[in-house]
C-alpha atoms as a PDB file:
ATOM      1  CA  MET A   1       0.000   0.000   0.000  1.00  0.00           C
ATOM      2  CA  TYR A   2       2.828   2.390   0.848  1.00  0.00           C
ATOM      3  CA  GLU A   3       4.473   1.814  -2.539  1.00  0.00           C
ATOM      4  CA  ILE A   4       1.272   2.642  -4.410  1.00  0.00           C
ATOM      5  CA  ILE A   5       0.767   5.896  -2.517  1.00  0.00           C
ATOM      6  CA  LEU A   6       4.420   6.834  -3.011  1.00  0.00           C
ATOM      7  CA  THR A   7       4.164   6.130  -6.754  1.00  0.00           C
ATOM      8  CA  ILE A   8       1.027   8.272  -7.087  1.00  0.00           C
ATOM      9  CA  PHE A   9       2.695  11.000  -5.033  1.00  0.00           C
ATOM     10  CA  LEU A  10       5.820  11.071  -7.221  1.00  0.00           C
ATOM     11  CA  PHE A  11       3.780  11.042 -10.440  1.00  0.00           C
ATOM     12  CA  ASP A  12       1.638  13.877  -9.083  1.00  0.00           C
ATOM     13  CA  ILE A  13       4.696  15.967  -8.192  1.00  0.00           C
ATOM     14  CA  ILE A  14       6.156  15.487 -11.685  1.00  0.00           C
ATOM     15  CA  CYS A  15       2.849  16.463 -13.337  1.00  0.00           C
ATOM     16  CA  LEU A  16       2.401  19.468 -11.067  1.00  0.00           C
ATOM     17  CA  VAL A  17       5.882  20.843 -11.720  1.00  0.00           C
ATOM     18  CA  THR A  18       5.583  20.178 -15.457  1.00  0.00           C
ATOM     19  CA  PHE A  19       2.243  21.954 -15.863  1.00  0.00           C
ATOM     20  CA  ILE A  20       3.334  24.900 -13.730  1.00  0.00           C
ATOM     21  CA  MET A  21       6.463  25.341 -15.834  1.00  0.00           C
ATOM     22  CA  LEU A  22       4.463  25.124 -19.098  1.00  0.00           C
ATOM     23  CA  GLN A  23       2.159  28.011 -18.194  1.00  0.00           C
ATOM     24  CA  GLN A  24       2.553  31.298 -20.009  1.00  0.00           C
ATOM     25  CA  GLY A  25       3.570  34.291 -17.973  1.00  0.00           C
ATOM     26  CA  ARG A  26       1.055  37.012 -17.134  1.00  0.00           C
ATOM     27  CA  SER A  27       3.163  39.675 -18.853  1.00  0.00           C
ATOM     28  CA  ILE A  28       2.562  38.220 -22.339  1.00  0.00           C
ATOM     29  CA  GLY A  29      -1.054  39.478 -22.383  1.00  0.00           C
ATOM     30  CA  SER A  30      -1.650  42.593 -24.480  1.00  0.00           C
ATOM     31  CA  GLY A  31       1.738  42.845 -26.191  1.00  0.00           C
ATOM     32  CA  TYR A  32       1.344  39.321 -27.492  1.00  0.00           C
ATOM     33  CA  SER A  33      -2.084  40.051 -28.980  1.00  0.00           C
ATOM     34  CA  PHE A  34      -0.907  43.066 -30.993  1.00  0.00           C
ATOM     35  CA  ASN A  35       1.900  41.167 -32.728  1.00  0.00           C
ATOM     36  CA  THR A  36      -0.068  38.176 -34.052  1.00  0.00           C
ATOM     37  CA  ASN A  37      -3.084  37.658 -36.256  1.00  0.00           C
ATOM     38  CA  ASN A  38      -6.533  36.897 -34.860  1.00  0.00           C
ATOM     39  CA  SER A  39      -6.543  33.173 -35.596  1.00  0.00           C
ATOM     40  CA  ASP A  40      -3.458  32.583 -33.439  1.00  0.00           C
ATOM     41  CA  ILE A  41      -5.019  34.385 -30.508  1.00  0.00           C
ATOM     42  CA  PHE A  42      -8.324  32.562 -30.877  1.00  0.00           C
ATOM     43  CA  LEU A  43      -6.770  29.103 -30.931  1.00  0.00           C
ATOM     44  CA  SER A  44      -4.083  29.489 -28.322  1.00  0.00           C
ATOM     45  CA  SER A  45      -4.742  31.382 -25.142  1.00  0.00           C
ATOM     46  CA  SER A  46      -8.119  30.854 -23.502  1.00  0.00           C
ATOM     47  CA  TYR A  47      -8.785  27.123 -23.918  1.00  0.00           C
ATOM     48  CA  VAL A  48      -5.259  25.985 -23.126  1.00  0.00           C
ATOM     49  CA  SER A  49      -5.040  28.289 -20.127  1.00  0.00           C
ATOM     50  CA  SER A  50      -8.354  27.039 -18.758  1.00  0.00           C
ATOM     51  CA  PHE A  51      -7.394  23.392 -19.225  1.00  0.00           C
ATOM     52  CA  MET A  52      -3.980  23.842 -17.623  1.00  0.00           C
ATOM     53  CA  ASN A  53      -5.483  25.676 -14.661  1.00  0.00           C
ATOM     54  CA  LYS A  54      -7.898  22.812 -14.064  1.00  0.00           C
ATOM     55  CA  VAL A  55      -5.098  20.232 -14.269  1.00  0.00           C
ATOM     56  CA  ILE A  56      -2.946  22.238 -11.852  1.00  0.00           C
ATOM     57  CA  ILE A  57      -5.826  22.569  -9.385  1.00  0.00           C
ATOM     58  CA  PHE A  58      -6.509  18.827  -9.572  1.00  0.00           C
ATOM     59  CA  CYS A  59      -2.823  17.924  -9.116  1.00  0.00           C
ATOM     60  CA  SER A  60      -2.476  20.293  -6.183  1.00  0.00           C
ATOM     61  CA  LEU A  61      -5.549  18.804  -4.486  1.00  0.00           C
ATOM     62  CA  VAL A  62      -4.152  15.300  -4.923  1.00  0.00           C
ATOM     63  CA  PHE A  63      -0.796  16.507  -3.618  1.00  0.00           C
ATOM     64  CA  PHE A  64      -2.270  17.964  -0.425  1.00  0.00           C
ATOM     65  CA  CYS A  65      -4.503  14.951   0.147  1.00  0.00           C
ATOM     66  CA  LEU A  66      -1.500  12.649  -0.077  1.00  0.00           C
ATOM     67  CA  VAL A  67       0.676  14.869   2.097  1.00  0.00           C
ATOM     68  CA  PHE A  68      -1.838  14.844   4.920  1.00  0.00           C
ATOM     69  CA  TYR A  69      -2.704  11.148   4.531  1.00  0.00           C
END
């Protein structure tokens, strides 16, 4: 049982660090939108950001549940 929890914990840490490092910075915002065409903005920012935020929230909840287990 301990090995399973440790494996899930290590996988969760790797996913959490990976998704946090893949996020775009907040400073890209308006300057990024003026330098590209509209199709790039439409396809890139909102959906990916929303999905990554949900994955990070899920991984952080799993992390804290396993830490306090």
